[in-house]
Amino acid sequence: MKIEFDTKKYVKDLIKSKSYFHTFLNMENMAVGVLRLAPGQEDTQSTHASDEVYYVVKGDGFLNVGGKRYAVSAGMSYFVAKNTEHQFLGNTEELVVIYFFSGPDS
């Protein structure tokens, strides 16, 4: 089983990709990945079947959770309960976020 992950490489790969996120660990009880949005890029994600925690590595903007908007910045973490609508928006810089699911990313 792989235990080391190069998240900087995943972010570089996302710049060239059509996707803006990459799940690099997907287990029965946990999934972890990286999300990258260019300035002003739209976050099109939908609800998830698992609780989720976001850790902002770099960037700015907002996280809309269930209709309430939270300012995001590097070093902050955010919890989103399963089946809750949420999207990142309004970033004026590159936004890089590590996400943690309490179950598999499906």
N, C-alpha and C. Protein backbone atom coordinates (compact mmCIF):
# COMPACT_ATOMS: atom_id res chain seq x y z
N MET A 1 0.84 -1.19 0.00
CA MET A 1 0.00 0.00 0.00
C MET A 1 0.88 1.24 0.00
N LYS A 2 0.54 2.19 -0.83
CA LYS A 2 1.29 3.44 -0.92
C LYS A 2 1.07 4.28 0.34
N ILE A 3 2.16 4.85 0.88
CA ILE A 3 2.03 5.66 2.09
C ILE A 3 2.55 7.09 1.91
N GLU A 4 3.15 7.38 0.75
CA GLU A 4 3.72 8.71 0.51
C GLU A 4 3.08 9.29 -0.76
N PHE A 5 2.67 10.56 -0.69
CA PHE A 5 1.96 11.19 -1.79
C PHE A 5 2.55 12.57 -2.07
N ASP A 6 2.83 12.87 -3.32
CA ASP A 6 3.42 14.14 -3.73
C ASP A 6 2.31 15.11 -4.13
N THR A 7 1.75 15.81 -3.16
CA THR A 7 0.62 16.69 -3.45
C THR A 7 1.03 17.86 -4.34
N LYS A 8 2.28 18.31 -4.27
CA LYS A 8 2.73 19.38 -5.16
C LYS A 8 2.66 18.93 -6.61
N LYS A 9 3.03 17.69 -6.88
CA LYS A 9 2.95 17.15 -8.24
C LYS A 9 1.49 17.06 -8.68
N TYR A 10 0.61 16.63 -7.80
CA TYR A 10 -0.81 16.53 -8.16
C TYR A 10 -1.37 17.90 -8.55
N VAL A 11 -0.97 18.94 -7.82
CA VAL A 11 -1.43 20.30 -8.14
C VAL A 11 -0.91 20.70 -9.52
N LYS A 12 0.37 20.45 -9.80
CA LYS A 12 0.93 20.76 -11.12
C LYS A 12 0.19 20.00 -12.23
N ASP A 13 -0.12 18.74 -11.98
CA ASP A 13 -0.84 17.93 -12.97
C ASP A 13 -2.25 18.47 -13.20
N LEU A 14 -2.89 18.98 -12.15
CA LEU A 14 -4.24 19.53 -12.28
C LEU A 14 -4.26 20.78 -13.16
N ILE A 15 -3.18 21.54 -13.17
CA ILE A 15 -3.10 22.74 -14.01
C ILE A 15 -3.29 22.37 -15.48
N LYS A 16 -2.77 21.21 -15.87
CA LYS A 16 -2.84 20.75 -17.27
C LYS A 16 -4.07 19.88 -17.53
N SER A 17 -4.82 19.57 -16.51
CA SER A 17 -5.93 18.62 -16.60
C SER A 17 -7.26 19.33 -16.85
N LYS A 18 -8.25 18.58 -17.31
CA LYS A 18 -9.60 19.12 -17.44
C LYS A 18 -10.33 19.08 -16.09
N SER A 19 -9.81 18.29 -15.16
CA SER A 19 -10.39 18.19 -13.82
C SER A 19 -9.72 19.20 -12.90
N TYR A 20 -10.41 19.57 -11.84
CA TYR A 20 -9.81 20.49 -10.87
C TYR A 20 -9.57 19.82 -9.52
N PHE A 21 -9.76 18.50 -9.45
CA PHE A 21 -9.48 17.79 -8.21
C PHE A 21 -8.91 16.40 -8.52
N HIS A 22 -8.20 15.86 -7.54
CA HIS A 22 -7.62 14.52 -7.68
C HIS A 22 -7.65 13.84 -6.33
N THR A 23 -8.36 12.72 -6.23
CA THR A 23 -8.37 11.91 -5.02
C THR A 23 -7.20 10.95 -5.10
N PHE A 24 -6.24 11.09 -4.19
CA PHE A 24 -5.04 10.26 -4.26
C PHE A 24 -5.04 9.11 -3.25
N LEU A 25 -5.99 9.11 -2.34
CA LEU A 25 -6.16 7.99 -1.42
C LEU A 25 -7.66 7.74 -1.30
N ASN A 26 -8.07 6.52 -1.64
CA ASN A 26 -9.50 6.20 -1.63
C ASN A 26 -9.69 4.83 -0.98
N MET A 27 -10.02 4.86 0.30
CA MET A 27 -10.17 3.64 1.10
C MET A 27 -11.63 3.52 1.54
N GLU A 28 -11.96 2.40 2.14
CA GLU A 28 -13.32 2.16 2.60
C GLU A 28 -13.78 3.19 3.63
N ASN A 29 -12.88 3.59 4.54
CA ASN A 29 -13.25 4.49 5.63
C ASN A 29 -12.69 5.90 5.52
N MET A 30 -11.95 6.18 4.43
CA MET A 30 -11.36 7.50 4.28
C MET A 30 -10.93 7.72 2.84
N ALA A 31 -11.08 8.95 2.39
CA ALA A 31 -10.52 9.37 1.10
C ALA A 31 -9.87 10.73 1.29
N VAL A 32 -8.78 10.96 0.56
CA VAL A 32 -8.05 12.22 0.66
C VAL A 32 -7.67 12.65 -0.75
N GLY A 33 -7.76 13.95 -0.99
CA GLY A 33 -7.39 14.45 -2.30
C GLY A 33 -7.05 15.92 -2.26
N VAL A 34 -6.74 16.44 -3.43
CA VAL A 34 -6.38 17.84 -3.58
C VAL A 34 -7.29 18.47 -4.62
N LEU A 35 -7.71 19.70 -4.34
CA LEU A 35 -8.56 20.49 -5.22
C LEU A 35 -7.80 21.76 -5.57
N ARG A 36 -7.82 22.12 -6.87
CA ARG A 36 -7.14 23.34 -7.31
C ARG A 36 -8.08 24.11 -8.23
N LEU A 37 -8.31 25.37 -7.88
CA LEU A 37 -9.11 26.25 -8.73
C LEU A 37 -8.25 27.44 -9.16
N ALA A 38 -8.24 27.71 -10.46
CA ALA A 38 -7.59 28.92 -10.96
C ALA A 38 -8.44 30.12 -10.53
N PRO A 39 -7.88 31.32 -10.54
CA PRO A 39 -8.67 32.49 -10.17
C PRO A 39 -9.98 32.56 -10.95
N GLY A 40 -11.08 32.64 -10.21
CA GLY A 40 -12.41 32.75 -10.81
C GLY A 40 -12.98 31.46 -11.39
N GLN A 41 -12.25 30.36 -11.33
CA GLN A 41 -12.75 29.09 -11.88
C GLN A 41 -13.94 28.58 -11.08
N GLU A 42 -14.91 28.02 -11.76
CA GLU A 42 -16.14 27.54 -11.12
C GLU A 42 -15.93 26.17 -10.48
N ASP A 43 -16.41 26.02 -9.26
CA ASP A 43 -16.43 24.75 -8.54
C ASP A 43 -17.79 24.12 -8.81
N THR A 44 -17.81 22.97 -9.46
CA THR A 44 -19.06 22.34 -9.87
C THR A 44 -19.42 21.12 -9.04
N GLN A 45 -18.77 20.92 -7.90
CA GLN A 45 -19.03 19.72 -7.12
C GLN A 45 -20.45 19.69 -6.57
N SER A 46 -20.93 18.48 -6.33
CA SER A 46 -22.25 18.30 -5.74
C SER A 46 -22.08 17.72 -4.33
N THR A 47 -23.18 17.37 -3.71
CA THR A 47 -23.12 16.83 -2.35
C THR A 47 -22.40 15.49 -2.34
N HIS A 48 -21.93 15.11 -1.16
CA HIS A 48 -21.21 13.85 -0.99
C HIS A 48 -21.92 12.99 0.05
N ALA A 49 -21.72 11.69 -0.04
CA ALA A 49 -22.34 10.75 0.90
C ALA A 49 -21.56 10.62 2.20
N SER A 50 -20.44 11.32 2.31
CA SER A 50 -19.61 11.28 3.52
C SER A 50 -19.36 12.68 4.03
N ASP A 51 -19.11 12.80 5.35
CA ASP A 51 -18.66 14.06 5.91
C ASP A 51 -17.30 14.40 5.29
N GLU A 52 -16.98 15.70 5.27
CA GLU A 52 -15.75 16.14 4.62
C GLU A 52 -15.11 17.27 5.41
N VAL A 53 -13.78 17.28 5.42
CA VAL A 53 -13.02 18.39 5.99
C VAL A 53 -12.12 18.92 4.89
N TYR A 54 -12.07 20.25 4.76
CA TYR A 54 -11.18 20.93 3.83
C TYR A 54 -10.10 21.64 4.62
N TYR A 55 -8.85 21.56 4.13
CA TYR A 55 -7.75 22.35 4.67
C TYR A 55 -7.21 23.21 3.53
N VAL A 56 -7.24 24.52 3.69
CA VAL A 56 -6.79 25.44 2.65
C VAL A 56 -5.28 25.60 2.72
N VAL A 57 -4.61 25.16 1.67
CA VAL A 57 -3.15 25.26 1.58
C VAL A 57 -2.74 26.65 1.15
N LYS A 58 -3.43 27.17 0.12
CA LYS A 58 -3.13 28.52 -0.36
C LYS A 58 -4.34 29.07 -1.09
N GLY A 59 -4.40 30.39 -1.15
CA GLY A 59 -5.46 31.04 -1.90
C GLY A 59 -6.45 31.78 -1.03
N ASP A 60 -7.51 32.22 -1.70
CA ASP A 60 -8.54 33.01 -1.04
C ASP A 60 -9.88 32.69 -1.66
N GLY A 61 -10.90 33.36 -1.23
CA GLY A 61 -12.24 33.18 -1.78
C GLY A 61 -13.23 32.87 -0.68
N PHE A 62 -14.26 32.10 -1.08
CA PHE A 62 -15.33 31.77 -0.16
C PHE A 62 -15.73 30.30 -0.34
N LEU A 63 -16.30 29.75 0.72
CA LEU A 63 -16.90 28.42 0.69
C LEU A 63 -18.36 28.61 1.08
N ASN A 64 -19.24 28.29 0.15
CA ASN A 64 -20.68 28.37 0.40
C ASN A 64 -21.11 27.00 0.93
N VAL A 65 -21.60 26.95 2.16
CA VAL A 65 -22.04 25.70 2.79
C VAL A 65 -23.49 25.86 3.20
N GLY A 66 -24.36 25.12 2.54
CA GLY A 66 -25.77 25.17 2.87
C GLY A 66 -26.37 26.56 2.79
N GLY A 67 -25.88 27.38 1.86
CA GLY A 67 -26.42 28.72 1.68
C GLY A 67 -25.72 29.80 2.49
N LYS A 68 -24.78 29.43 3.35
CA LYS A 68 -24.03 30.42 4.12
C LYS A 68 -22.61 30.50 3.58
N ARG A 69 -22.10 31.71 3.41
CA ARG A 69 -20.79 31.95 2.82
C ARG A 69 -19.74 32.18 3.89
N TYR A 70 -18.60 31.45 3.78
CA TYR A 70 -17.48 31.58 4.71
C TYR A 70 -16.25 32.01 3.92
N ALA A 71 -15.54 33.02 4.42
CA ALA A 71 -14.29 33.44 3.79
C ALA A 71 -13.24 32.36 4.02
N VAL A 72 -12.47 32.03 2.97
CA VAL A 72 -11.42 31.03 3.10
C VAL A 72 -10.06 31.68 2.91
N SER A 73 -9.08 31.16 3.63
CA SER A 73 -7.71 31.63 3.50
C SER A 73 -6.76 30.52 3.94
N ALA A 74 -5.51 30.64 3.54
CA ALA A 74 -4.50 29.62 3.84
C ALA A 74 -4.43 29.36 5.34
N GLY A 75 -4.35 28.09 5.68
CA GLY A 75 -4.24 27.68 7.07
C GLY A 75 -5.56 27.40 7.76
N MET A 76 -6.67 27.73 7.11
CA MET A 76 -7.99 27.50 7.71
C MET A 76 -8.52 26.12 7.30
N SER A 77 -9.38 25.55 8.15
CA SER A 77 -10.04 24.27 7.88
C SER A 77 -11.54 24.45 8.02
N TYR A 78 -12.29 23.63 7.28
CA TYR A 78 -13.75 23.75 7.24
C TYR A 78 -14.37 22.36 7.22
N PHE A 79 -15.46 22.19 7.95
CA PHE A 79 -16.20 20.93 7.99
C PHE A 79 -17.48 21.07 7.19
N VAL A 80 -17.77 20.07 6.35
CA VAL A 80 -19.02 20.03 5.60
C VAL A 80 -19.67 18.68 5.86
N ALA A 81 -20.87 18.70 6.43
CA ALA A 81 -21.59 17.46 6.73
C ALA A 81 -22.04 16.79 5.43
N LYS A 82 -22.15 15.48 5.47
CA LYS A 82 -22.60 14.74 4.29
C LYS A 82 -23.94 15.26 3.80
N ASN A 83 -24.17 15.14 2.51
CA ASN A 83 -25.41 15.55 1.84
C ASN A 83 -25.71 17.04 1.96
N THR A 84 -24.68 17.87 2.19
CA THR A 84 -24.85 19.32 2.29
C THR A 84 -24.29 19.98 1.03
N GLU A 85 -25.09 20.83 0.40
CA GLU A 85 -24.62 21.58 -0.78
C GLU A 85 -23.45 22.48 -0.36
N HIS A 86 -22.40 22.49 -1.19
CA HIS A 86 -21.25 23.35 -0.91
C HIS A 86 -20.42 23.54 -2.18
N GLN A 87 -19.86 24.74 -2.32
CA GLN A 87 -18.99 25.08 -3.43
C GLN A 87 -18.03 26.19 -3.01
N PHE A 88 -16.83 26.13 -3.60
CA PHE A 88 -15.89 27.24 -3.46
C PHE A 88 -16.22 28.26 -4.55
N LEU A 89 -16.02 29.54 -4.24
CA LEU A 89 -16.30 30.59 -5.22
C LEU A 89 -15.54 31.85 -4.87
N GLY A 90 -15.45 32.75 -5.85
CA GLY A 90 -14.92 34.07 -5.62
C GLY A 90 -13.44 34.15 -5.35
N ASN A 91 -12.67 33.13 -5.74
CA ASN A 91 -11.24 33.20 -5.48
C ASN A 91 -10.56 34.09 -6.52
N THR A 92 -9.71 35.01 -6.05
CA THR A 92 -8.98 35.91 -6.95
C THR A 92 -7.54 35.44 -7.14
N GLU A 93 -7.14 34.40 -6.39
CA GLU A 93 -5.83 33.78 -6.51
C GLU A 93 -6.05 32.29 -6.74
N GLU A 94 -4.97 31.59 -7.10
CA GLU A 94 -5.05 30.14 -7.18
C GLU A 94 -5.46 29.60 -5.80
N LEU A 95 -6.45 28.72 -5.78
CA LEU A 95 -6.93 28.13 -4.53
C LEU A 95 -6.52 26.65 -4.52
N VAL A 96 -5.80 26.24 -3.50
CA VAL A 96 -5.38 24.84 -3.34
C VAL A 96 -5.88 24.36 -2.00
N VAL A 97 -6.63 23.25 -2.03
CA VAL A 97 -7.28 22.73 -0.83
C VAL A 97 -7.05 21.22 -0.76
N ILE A 98 -6.74 20.72 0.41
CA ILE A 98 -6.68 19.28 0.65
C ILE A 98 -8.03 18.90 1.27
N TYR A 99 -8.65 17.83 0.74
CA TYR A 99 -9.92 17.38 1.29
C TYR A 99 -9.82 15.98 1.87
N PHE A 100 -10.59 15.76 2.93
CA PHE A 100 -10.61 14.50 3.66
C PHE A 100 -12.07 14.04 3.78
N PHE A 101 -12.39 12.89 3.23
CA PHE A 101 -13.73 12.30 3.36
C PHE A 101 -13.72 11.27 4.48
N SER A 102 -14.83 11.15 5.19
CA SER A 102 -14.96 10.14 6.26
C SER A 102 -15.34 8.77 5.70
N GLY A 103 -15.34 8.64 4.42
CA GLY A 103 -15.62 7.38 3.73
C GLY A 103 -14.99 7.45 2.36
N PRO A 104 -15.31 6.51 1.47
CA PRO A 104 -14.71 6.54 0.15
C PRO A 104 -15.26 7.70 -0.69
N ASP A 105 -14.46 8.14 -1.65
CA ASP A 105 -14.89 9.16 -2.62
C ASP A 105 -15.61 8.44 -3.72
N SER A 106 -16.94 8.61 -3.74
CA SER A 106 -17.72 7.87 -4.75
C SER A 106 -18.43 8.81 -5.68
